[in-house]
Amino acid sequence: MKGYQFFIVMGMLVAVMGIAGASALQIAGPISASLTNGGAVYLGKIGPGQSFYISASADTYNASGSYINIAWDTLKATQLPAGWSSQRSPLYADPMKMKINVPPDAPNGTYTITVQAVDLQNYSRISNVTFNAYINVTPNVFSLGVTPTSIATGIGQPTNLYITINNTGVSDNPFVLNAYGLPAWNISDQVIALHGSKSTFVYPVYVNEPGVYKFNLTVNSGSSPLIQKSYRVQMTAKASLGNDYSAIGQGVLLSPIIYEPAYAFMFLLGKIYHIIAG
């Protein structure tokens, strides 16, 4: 082997050994990954105006295999897209957890964030780990399901809707539930659907006038009106003895307990009425 070939091969071996022996940063959220200096990771989707966290373990092993507690002292963003902001993790926290805020007017697209785990003054002698994190900005960060979509009820009697939110984004920002198009004041409700999870919430609706109503059950992010979905629901409300008796089974009894057998009997009558009426 010629001299220059020998040095090239040795240089390659040293580089490979350096990579193999480098201390790995363990990313815990919003996804799991193991990164060395110069690495890259795709985090997922985020909506305009939302915020999210990147968390990582402060512990690691050095090149000789020794465990180091609080090897890195903080996690911070060293480069952000224009208009974005961040908050570094508190010093010496384990795990390290930094926050990134996306502006409400951020256009759709994939963005690059440069993140650094910092070993202050190289105290742990493992150096900093810098990596690129890619994230896709889009308002399509959740799917929505509503049941039932057709309701028969009495006047002024709350009926429960079951709202399923599948949060496919990386933000834990709140969602707001609203019913639009009903002749009664139905209050909004705020819920939390954690990122990467599917959650079902109960939302009661009612009307104070008889009629057939087609209304929108709307869910939107508390951080941006651009992140919104609606479900069409039909409610038929009419006053009748059968509906009133059936409504008892949906409500809360406020009378003394001695009346419970009568309420149960009236509820049964309401069920029989609806079966006969078809």
C-alpha atoms as a PDB file:
ATOM      1  CA  MET A   1       0.000   0.000   0.000  1.00  0.00           C
ATOM      2  CA  LYS A   2       1.385   3.378  -0.936  1.00  0.00           C
ATOM      3  CA  GLY A   3       1.967   6.007   1.725  1.00  0.00           C
ATOM      4  CA  TYR A   4      -0.889   8.353   0.775  1.00  0.00           C
ATOM      5  CA  GLN A   5      -3.294   5.402   0.532  1.00  0.00           C
ATOM      6  CA  PHE A   6      -2.325   4.359   4.045  1.00  0.00           C
ATOM      7  CA  PHE A   7      -3.083   7.807   5.462  1.00  0.00           C
ATOM      8  CA  ILE A   8      -6.442   7.936   3.638  1.00  0.00           C
ATOM      9  CA  VAL A   9      -7.480   4.569   5.054  1.00  0.00           C
ATOM     10  CA  MET A  10      -6.329   5.520   8.542  1.00  0.00           C
ATOM     11  CA  GLY A  11      -8.227   8.799   8.310  1.00  0.00           C
ATOM     12  CA  MET A  12     -11.387   6.956   7.345  1.00  0.00           C
ATOM     13  CA  LEU A  13     -10.967   4.542  10.250  1.00  0.00           C
ATOM     14  CA  VAL A  14     -10.479   7.386  12.710  1.00  0.00           C
ATOM     15  CA  ALA A  15     -13.613   9.114  11.400  1.00  0.00           C
ATOM     16  CA  VAL A  16     -15.668   5.938  11.711  1.00  0.00           C
ATOM     17  CA  MET A  17     -14.349   5.294  15.215  1.00  0.00           C
ATOM     18  CA  GLY A  18     -15.138   8.895  16.165  1.00  0.00           C
ATOM     19  CA  ILE A  19     -18.738   8.526  14.991  1.00  0.00           C
ATOM     20  CA  ALA A  20     -19.132   5.161  16.694  1.00  0.00           C
ATOM     21  CA  GLY A  21     -17.705   6.542  19.946  1.00  0.00           C
ATOM     22  CA  ALA A  22     -19.621   9.827  19.887  1.00  0.00           C
ATOM     23  CA  SER A  23     -22.062  10.462  22.722  1.00  0.00           C
ATOM     24  CA  ALA A  24     -25.644  10.020  21.502  1.00  0.00           C
ATOM     25  CA  LEU A  25     -28.416  12.410  22.451  1.00  0.00           C
ATOM     26  CA  GLN A  26     -31.660  10.541  23.201  1.00  0.00           C
ATOM     27  CA  ILE A  27     -34.677  12.469  21.908  1.00  0.00           C
ATOM     28  CA  ALA A  28     -37.856  11.634  23.861  1.00  0.00           C
ATOM     29  CA  GLY A  29     -40.439  13.950  22.305  1.00  0.00           C
ATOM     30  CA  PRO A  30     -42.367  14.620  20.205  1.00  0.00           C
ATOM     31  CA  ILE A  31     -40.771  11.506  18.649  1.00  0.00           C
ATOM     32  CA  SER A  32     -38.063   9.085  19.794  1.00  0.00           C
ATOM     33  CA  ALA A  33     -34.620   9.228  18.175  1.00  0.00           C
ATOM     34  CA  SER A  34     -30.933   8.817  18.942  1.00  0.00           C
ATOM     35  CA  LEU A  35     -28.752  11.546  17.453  1.00  0.00           C
ATOM     36  CA  THR A  36     -25.062  12.376  17.324  1.00  0.00           C
ATOM     37  CA  ASN A  37     -23.517  15.691  16.345  1.00  0.00           C
ATOM     38  CA  GLY A  38     -24.596  16.725  12.832  1.00  0.00           C
ATOM     39  CA  GLY A  39     -27.623  14.399  12.792  1.00  0.00           C
ATOM     40  CA  ALA A  40     -31.139  15.163  11.564  1.00  0.00           C
ATOM     41  CA  VAL A  41     -34.676  14.132  12.492  1.00  0.00           C
ATOM     42  CA  TYR A  42     -38.226  14.696  11.190  1.00  0.00           C
ATOM     43  CA  LEU A  43     -40.569  15.671  14.021  1.00  0.00           C
ATOM     44  CA  GLY A  44     -43.976  15.598  12.293  1.00  0.00           C
ATOM     45  CA  LYS A  45     -46.774  18.154  11.715  1.00  0.00           C
ATOM     46  CA  ILE A  46     -47.593  21.403  13.463  1.00  0.00           C
ATOM     47  CA  GLY A  47     -50.395  23.896  12.837  1.00  0.00           C
ATOM     48  CA  PRO A  48     -49.866  27.641  12.306  1.00  0.00           C
ATOM     49  CA  GLY A  49     -49.981  29.461  15.647  1.00  0.00           C
ATOM     50  CA  GLN A  50     -49.368  26.307  17.657  1.00  0.00           C
ATOM     51  CA  SER A  51     -46.438  25.524  19.937  1.00  0.00           C
ATOM     52  CA  PHE A  52     -44.629  22.281  20.708  1.00  0.00           C
ATOM     53  CA  TYR A  53     -41.811  20.872  22.821  1.00  0.00           C
ATOM     54  CA  ILE A  54     -38.621  19.018  22.014  1.00  0.00           C
ATOM     55  CA  SER A  55     -37.417  16.954  24.955  1.00  0.00           C
ATOM     56  CA  ALA A  56     -34.217  14.967  25.374  1.00  0.00           C
ATOM     57  CA  SER A  57     -32.352  13.133  28.097  1.00  0.00           C
ATOM     58  CA  ALA A  58     -29.510  15.080  29.709  1.00  0.00           C
ATOM     59  CA  ASP A  59     -27.672  11.804  30.440  1.00  0.00           C
ATOM     60  CA  THR A  60     -25.417   9.816  28.125  1.00  0.00           C
ATOM     61  CA  TYR A  61     -22.383   7.556  27.888  1.00  0.00           C
ATOM     62  CA  ASN A  62     -18.974   8.839  26.844  1.00  0.00           C
ATOM     63  CA  ALA A  63     -16.663   7.227  24.274  1.00  0.00           C
ATOM     64  CA  SER A  64     -15.234   4.842  26.879  1.00  0.00           C
ATOM     65  CA  GLY A  65     -18.686   3.640  27.925  1.00  0.00           C
ATOM     66  CA  SER A  66     -18.875   5.505  31.233  1.00  0.00           C
ATOM     67  CA  TYR A  67     -22.274   6.876  32.267  1.00  0.00           C
ATOM     68  CA  ILE A  68     -22.510  10.663  32.673  1.00  0.00           C
ATOM     69  CA  ASN A  69     -25.347  12.228  34.655  1.00  0.00           C
ATOM     70  CA  ILE A  70     -26.402  15.685  33.369  1.00  0.00           C
ATOM     71  CA  ALA A  71     -23.938  15.480  30.518  1.00  0.00           C
ATOM     72  CA  TRP A  72     -25.656  18.373  28.756  1.00  0.00           C
ATOM     73  CA  ASP A  73     -26.864  21.404  30.675  1.00  0.00           C
ATOM     74  CA  THR A  74     -29.542  22.844  28.391  1.00  0.00           C
ATOM     75  CA  LEU A  75     -31.310  22.333  25.071  1.00  0.00           C
ATOM     76  CA  LYS A  76     -31.760  25.362  22.821  1.00  0.00           C
ATOM     77  CA  ALA A  77     -32.518  26.453  19.259  1.00  0.00           C
ATOM     78  CA  THR A  78     -29.573  28.066  17.502  1.00  0.00           C
ATOM     79  CA  GLN A  79     -31.430  28.753  14.250  1.00  0.00           C
ATOM     80  CA  LEU A  80     -35.158  29.261  13.629  1.00  0.00           C
ATOM     81  CA  PRO A  81     -37.296  30.211  10.627  1.00  0.00           C
ATOM     82  CA  ALA A  82     -38.194  33.902  10.394  1.00  0.00           C
ATOM     83  CA  GLY A  83     -40.891  34.913  12.880  1.00  0.00           C
ATOM     84  CA  TRP A  84     -40.554  31.789  15.030  1.00  0.00           C
ATOM     85  CA  SER A  85     -39.525  31.925  18.697  1.00  0.00           C
ATOM     86  CA  SER A  86     -38.266  29.476  21.293  1.00  0.00           C
ATOM     87  CA  GLN A  87     -37.512  29.013  24.978  1.00  0.00           C
ATOM     88  CA  ARG A  88     -34.501  26.971  25.980  1.00  0.00           C
ATOM     89  CA  SER A  89     -34.804  24.287  28.625  1.00  0.00           C
ATOM     90  CA  PRO A  90     -34.031  25.278  32.238  1.00  0.00           C
ATOM     91  CA  LEU A  91     -30.397  24.738  33.218  1.00  0.00           C
ATOM     92  CA  TYR A  92     -29.532  21.285  34.580  1.00  0.00           C
ATOM     93  CA  ALA A  93     -33.043  19.897  34.062  1.00  0.00           C
ATOM     94  CA  ASP A  94     -33.384  16.219  33.193  1.00  0.00           C
ATOM     95  CA  PRO A  95     -35.043  15.621  30.856  1.00  0.00           C
ATOM     96  CA  MET A  96     -34.274  18.801  28.945  1.00  0.00           C
ATOM     97  CA  LYS A  97     -37.422  20.329  27.455  1.00  0.00           C
ATOM     98  CA  MET A  98     -37.450  23.332  25.122  1.00  0.00           C
ATOM     99  CA  LYS A  99     -40.470  25.101  23.627  1.00  0.00           C
ATOM    100  CA  ILE A 100     -40.918  26.324  20.045  1.00  0.00           C
ATOM    101  CA  ASN A 101     -43.670  28.706  18.925  1.00  0.00           C
ATOM    102  CA  VAL A 102     -44.937  28.819  15.340  1.00  0.00           C
ATOM    103  CA  PRO A 103     -46.362  32.190  14.194  1.00  0.00           C
ATOM    104  CA  PRO A 104     -50.083  32.272  13.247  1.00  0.00           C
ATOM    105  CA  ASP A 105     -49.255  33.433   9.712  1.00  0.00           C
ATOM    106  CA  ALA A 106     -46.658  30.732   8.972  1.00  0.00           C
ATOM    107  CA  PRO A 107     -47.240  29.465   5.392  1.00  0.00           C
ATOM    108  CA  ASN A 108     -47.609  25.748   4.767  1.00  0.00           C
ATOM    109  CA  GLY A 109     -44.355  23.918   4.146  1.00  0.00           C
ATOM    110  CA  THR A 110     -41.459  22.055   5.717  1.00  0.00           C
ATOM    111  CA  TYR A 111     -39.134  24.084   7.942  1.00  0.00           C
ATOM    112  CA  THR A 112     -35.706  23.471   9.452  1.00  0.00           C
ATOM    113  CA  ILE A 113     -34.823  24.150  13.077  1.00  0.00           C
ATOM    114  CA  THR A 114     -31.262  23.839  14.332  1.00  0.00           C
ATOM    115  CA  VAL A 115     -31.125  22.561  17.903  1.00  0.00           C
ATOM    116  CA  GLN A 116     -28.163  22.204  20.226  1.00  0.00           C
ATOM    117  CA  ALA A 117     -27.613  20.243  23.430  1.00  0.00           C
ATOM    118  CA  VAL A 118     -25.034  22.338  25.296  1.00  0.00           C
ATOM    119  CA  ASP A 119     -22.256  21.073  27.541  1.00  0.00           C
ATOM    120  CA  LEU A 120     -21.423  24.369  29.263  1.00  0.00           C
ATOM    121  CA  GLN A 121     -17.674  25.056  29.294  1.00  0.00           C
ATOM    122  CA  ASN A 122     -17.235  21.455  28.129  1.00  0.00           C
ATOM    123  CA  TYR A 123     -17.489  20.423  31.788  1.00  0.00           C
ATOM    124  CA  SER A 124     -18.564  16.867  30.965  1.00  0.00           C
ATOM    125  CA  ARG A 125     -15.982  16.696  28.162  1.00  0.00           C
ATOM    126  CA  ILE A 126     -18.439  15.328  25.627  1.00  0.00           C
ATOM    127  CA  SER A 127     -18.932  18.576  23.668  1.00  0.00           C
ATOM    128  CA  ASN A 128     -22.152  19.965  22.272  1.00  0.00           C
ATOM    129  CA  VAL A 129     -24.500  18.000  20.024  1.00  0.00           C
ATOM    130  CA  THR A 130     -26.055  20.031  17.199  1.00  0.00           C
ATOM    131  CA  PHE A 131     -28.739  18.597  14.905  1.00  0.00           C
ATOM    132  CA  ASN A 132     -31.376  19.707  12.418  1.00  0.00           C
ATOM    133  CA  ALA A 133     -35.069  19.077  13.142  1.00  0.00           C
ATOM    134  CA  TYR A 134     -37.544  19.217  10.250  1.00  0.00           C
ATOM    135  CA  ILE A 135     -41.227  19.972  10.800  1.00  0.00           C
ATOM    136  CA  ASN A 136     -44.186  20.367   8.443  1.00  0.00           C
ATOM    137  CA  VAL A 137     -46.536  23.331   8.974  1.00  0.00           C
ATOM    138  CA  THR A 138     -50.110  22.532   7.910  1.00  0.00           C
ATOM    139  CA  PRO A 139     -53.605  23.185   9.315  1.00  0.00           C
ATOM    140  CA  ASN A 140     -54.443  19.509   8.759  1.00  0.00           C
ATOM    141  CA  VAL A 141     -53.250  18.276  12.154  1.00  0.00           C
ATOM    142  CA  PHE A 142     -56.328  16.397  13.379  1.00  0.00           C
ATOM    143  CA  SER A 143     -59.306  14.354  12.233  1.00  0.00           C
ATOM    144  CA  LEU A 144     -62.804  14.565  13.687  1.00  0.00           C
ATOM    145  CA  GLY A 145     -65.619  12.104  14.394  1.00  0.00           C
ATOM    146  CA  VAL A 146     -69.043  12.844  15.915  1.00  0.00           C
ATOM    147  CA  THR A 147     -71.791  10.449  17.099  1.00  0.00           C
ATOM    148  CA  PRO A 148     -74.721  10.409  16.859  1.00  0.00           C
ATOM    149  CA  THR A 149     -75.333  12.521  13.750  1.00  0.00           C
ATOM    150  CA  SER A 150     -79.137  12.316  14.037  1.00  0.00           C
ATOM    151  CA  ILE A 151     -80.876  13.101  17.332  1.00  0.00           C
ATOM    152  CA  ALA A 152     -84.496  12.965  18.515  1.00  0.00           C
ATOM    153  CA  THR A 153     -85.006  14.816  21.758  1.00  0.00           C
ATOM    154  CA  GLY A 154     -87.379  16.846  23.887  1.00  0.00           C
ATOM    155  CA  ILE A 155     -87.529  20.596  24.369  1.00  0.00           C
ATOM    156  CA  GLY A 156     -84.816  21.925  26.682  1.00  0.00           C
ATOM    157  CA  GLN A 157     -83.431  18.443  27.289  1.00  0.00           C
ATOM    158  CA  PRO A 158     -79.632  18.147  26.864  1.00  0.00           C
ATOM    159  CA  THR A 159     -78.452  15.340  24.597  1.00  0.00           C
ATOM    160  CA  ASN A 160     -74.846  14.171  24.604  1.00  0.00           C
ATOM    161  CA  LEU A 161     -72.685  14.204  21.489  1.00  0.00           C
ATOM    162  CA  TYR A 162     -69.482  12.157  21.526  1.00  0.00           C
ATOM    163  CA  ILE A 163     -66.612  14.047  19.897  1.00  0.00           C
ATOM    164  CA  THR A 164     -63.543  12.046  18.860  1.00  0.00           C
ATOM    165  CA  ILE A 165     -60.402  14.047  18.074  1.00  0.00           C
ATOM    166  CA  ASN A 166     -57.422  12.244  16.569  1.00  0.00           C
ATOM    167  CA  ASN A 167     -54.521  14.658  17.076  1.00  0.00           C
ATOM    168  CA  THR A 168     -51.952  13.742  14.398  1.00  0.00           C
ATOM    169  CA  GLY A 169     -49.793  16.811  15.049  1.00  0.00           C
ATOM    170  CA  VAL A 170     -47.026  17.405  17.614  1.00  0.00           C
ATOM    171  CA  SER A 171     -48.818  20.099  19.636  1.00  0.00           C
ATOM    172  CA  ASP A 172     -50.819  19.654  22.853  1.00  0.00           C
ATOM    173  CA  ASN A 173     -52.612  22.975  22.364  1.00  0.00           C
ATOM    174  CA  PRO A 174     -56.307  23.008  23.399  1.00  0.00           C
ATOM    175  CA  PHE A 175     -59.267  22.483  21.069  1.00  0.00           C
ATOM    176  CA  VAL A 176     -62.573  24.376  21.374  1.00  0.00           C
ATOM    177  CA  LEU A 177     -65.968  22.671  20.815  1.00  0.00           C
ATOM    178  CA  ASN A 178     -68.940  24.717  19.586  1.00  0.00           C
ATOM    179  CA  ALA A 179     -72.456  24.087  18.230  1.00  0.00           C
ATOM    180  CA  TYR A 180     -73.632  26.629  15.646  1.00  0.00           C
ATOM    181  CA  GLY A 181     -77.176  26.878  14.249  1.00  0.00           C
ATOM    182  CA  LEU A 182     -79.371  25.952  17.221  1.00  0.00           C
ATOM    183  CA  PRO A 183     -82.098  28.185  18.756  1.00  0.00           C
ATOM    184  CA  ALA A 184     -80.562  28.025  22.225  1.00  0.00           C
ATOM    185  CA  TRP A 185     -77.400  29.150  23.894  1.00  0.00           C
ATOM    186  CA  ASN A 186     -75.014  26.174  23.814  1.00  0.00           C
ATOM    187  CA  ILE A 187     -71.788  27.035  25.593  1.00  0.00           C
ATOM    188  CA  SER A 188     -68.397  26.256  24.088  1.00  0.00           C
ATOM    189  CA  ASP A 189     -66.080  23.778  25.758  1.00  0.00           C
ATOM    190  CA  GLN A 190     -62.278  23.579  25.756  1.00  0.00           C
ATOM    191  CA  VAL A 191     -60.524  20.199  25.770  1.00  0.00           C
ATOM    192  CA  ILE A 192     -56.980  18.870  25.462  1.00  0.00           C
ATOM    193  CA  ALA A 193     -56.191  16.150  22.921  1.00  0.00           C
ATOM    194  CA  LEU A 194     -52.555  15.194  23.404  1.00  0.00           C
ATOM    195  CA  HIS A 195     -50.332  14.923  20.352  1.00  0.00           C
ATOM    196  CA  GLY A 196     -50.248  11.556  18.642  1.00  0.00           C
ATOM    197  CA  SER A 197     -53.370  10.386  20.480  1.00  0.00           C
ATOM    198  CA  LYS A 198     -57.114   9.851  19.938  1.00  0.00           C
ATOM    199  CA  SER A 199     -59.496  11.124  22.613  1.00  0.00           C
ATOM    200  CA  THR A 200     -63.308  11.160  22.953  1.00  0.00           C
ATOM    201  CA  PHE A 201     -65.162  13.964  24.745  1.00  0.00           C
ATOM    202  CA  VAL A 202     -68.808  14.393  25.770  1.00  0.00           C
ATOM    203  CA  TYR A 203     -70.496  17.594  24.588  1.00  0.00           C
ATOM    204  CA  PRO A 204     -74.172  18.210  25.543  1.00  0.00           C
ATOM    205  CA  VAL A 205     -76.456  20.173  23.175  1.00  0.00           C
ATOM    206  CA  TYR A 206     -80.092  21.220  23.481  1.00  0.00           C
ATOM    207  CA  VAL A 207     -82.804  23.410  21.914  1.00  0.00           C
ATOM    208  CA  ASN A 208     -85.618  25.394  23.532  1.00  0.00           C
ATOM    209  CA  GLU A 209     -88.018  25.377  20.574  1.00  0.00           C
ATOM    210  CA  PRO A 210     -89.589  22.477  18.637  1.00  0.00           C
ATOM    211  CA  GLY A 211     -88.372  21.835  15.090  1.00  0.00           C
ATOM    212  CA  VAL A 212     -85.861  20.054  12.897  1.00  0.00           C
ATOM    213  CA  TYR A 213     -82.405  21.638  13.036  1.00  0.00           C
ATOM    214  CA  LYS A 214     -79.288  20.941  11.021  1.00  0.00           C
ATOM    215  CA  PHE A 215     -76.337  22.439  12.825  1.00  0.00           C
ATOM    216  CA  ASN A 216     -72.549  22.321  12.721  1.00  0.00           C
ATOM    217  CA  LEU A 217     -70.554  20.789  15.528  1.00  0.00           C
ATOM    218  CA  THR A 218     -67.281  22.671  15.107  1.00  0.00           C
ATOM    219  CA  VAL A 219     -63.849  21.918  16.561  1.00  0.00           C
ATOM    220  CA  ASN A 220     -61.010  24.376  16.183  1.00  0.00           C
ATOM    221  CA  SER A 221     -57.599  24.848  17.738  1.00  0.00           C
ATOM    222  CA  GLY A 222     -57.432  27.399  20.529  1.00  0.00           C
ATOM    223  CA  SER A 223     -54.345  28.850  18.861  1.00  0.00           C
ATOM    224  CA  SER A 224     -55.525  29.443  15.278  1.00  0.00           C
ATOM    225  CA  PRO A 225     -58.881  29.728  13.421  1.00  0.00           C
ATOM    226  CA  LEU A 226     -57.180  28.072  10.431  1.00  0.00           C
ATOM    227  CA  ILE A 227     -57.119  24.749  12.301  1.00  0.00           C
ATOM    228  CA  GLN A 228     -60.797  23.828  12.186  1.00  0.00           C
ATOM    229  CA  LYS A 229     -63.202  21.055  11.210  1.00  0.00           C
ATOM    230  CA  SER A 230     -67.014  20.773  11.318  1.00  0.00           C
ATOM    231  CA  TYR A 231     -69.485  17.904  11.434  1.00  0.00           C
ATOM    232  CA  ARG A 232     -73.114  18.197  10.278  1.00  0.00           C
ATOM    233  CA  VAL A 233     -75.655  16.998  12.840  1.00  0.00           C
ATOM    234  CA  GLN A 234     -79.468  16.891  12.675  1.00  0.00           C
ATOM    235  CA  MET A 235     -81.601  17.379  15.774  1.00  0.00           C
ATOM    236  CA  THR A 236     -85.384  16.819  15.868  1.00  0.00           C
ATOM    237  CA  ALA A 237     -86.999  18.383  18.929  1.00  0.00           C
ATOM    238  CA  LYS A 238     -90.650  18.051  19.816  1.00  0.00           C
ATOM    239  CA  ALA A 239     -92.755  18.072  22.930  1.00  0.00           C
ATOM    240  CA  SER A 240     -94.457  14.759  23.697  1.00  0.00           C
ATOM    241  CA  LEU A 241     -95.108  12.542  26.660  1.00  0.00           C
ATOM    242  CA  GLY A 242     -92.876   9.834  25.194  1.00  0.00           C
ATOM    243  CA  ASN A 243     -89.978  12.228  24.645  1.00  0.00           C
ATOM    244  CA  ASP A 244     -90.395  13.706  28.109  1.00  0.00           C
ATOM    245  CA  TYR A 245     -90.316  10.250  29.698  1.00  0.00           C
ATOM    246  CA  SER A 246     -87.286   9.223  27.593  1.00  0.00           C
ATOM    247  CA  ALA A 247     -85.499  12.428  28.553  1.00  0.00           C
ATOM    248  CA  ILE A 248     -85.580  11.378  32.193  1.00  0.00           C
ATOM    249  CA  GLY A 249     -82.996   8.693  31.444  1.00  0.00           C
ATOM    250  CA  GLN A 250     -80.626  11.323  29.996  1.00  0.00           C
ATOM    251  CA  GLY A 251     -80.894  13.867  32.841  1.00  0.00           C
ATOM    252  CA  VAL A 252     -79.865  14.227  36.458  1.00  0.00           C
ATOM    253  CA  LEU A 253     -82.459  13.557  39.160  1.00  0.00           C
ATOM    254  CA  LEU A 254     -82.818  16.456  41.551  1.00  0.00           C
ATOM    255  CA  SER A 255     -85.805  15.141  43.519  1.00  0.00           C
ATOM    256  CA  PRO A 256     -85.584  12.957  46.653  1.00  0.00           C
ATOM    257  CA  ILE A 257     -84.495   9.376  46.209  1.00  0.00           C
ATOM    258  CA  ILE A 258     -87.982   8.051  46.996  1.00  0.00           C
ATOM    259  CA  TYR A 259     -89.070   9.178  43.525  1.00  0.00           C
ATOM    260  CA  GLU A 260     -86.415   7.128  41.690  1.00  0.00           C
ATOM    261  CA  PRO A 261     -88.700   4.082  41.085  1.00  0.00           C
ATOM    262  CA  ALA A 262     -91.289   6.389  39.482  1.00  0.00           C
ATOM    263  CA  TYR A 263     -88.626   7.979  37.289  1.00  0.00           C
ATOM    264  CA  ALA A 264     -87.393   4.545  36.206  1.00  0.00           C
ATOM    265  CA  PHE A 265     -90.944   3.492  35.333  1.00  0.00           C
ATOM    266  CA  MET A 266     -91.560   6.669  33.296  1.00  0.00           C
ATOM    267  CA  PHE A 267     -88.264   6.173  31.463  1.00  0.00           C
ATOM    268  CA  LEU A 268     -89.345   2.606  30.584  1.00  0.00           C
ATOM    269  CA  LEU A 269     -92.666   3.961  29.297  1.00  0.00           C
ATOM    270  CA  GLY A 270     -90.760   6.390  27.109  1.00  0.00           C
ATOM    271  CA  LYS A 271     -88.703   3.567  25.599  1.00  0.00           C
ATOM    272  CA  ILE A 272     -91.830   1.526  24.900  1.00  0.00           C
ATOM    273  CA  TYR A 273     -93.462   4.593  23.301  1.00  0.00           C
ATOM    274  CA  HIS A 274     -90.553   5.069  20.878  1.00  0.00           C
ATOM    275  CA  ILE A 275     -90.545   1.367  19.958  1.00  0.00           C
ATOM    276  CA  ILE A 276     -94.247   1.415  19.176  1.00  0.00           C
ATOM    277  CA  ALA A 277     -94.026   4.744  17.337  1.00  0.00           C
ATOM    278  CA  GLY A 278     -91.197   3.347  15.209  1.00  0.00           C
END
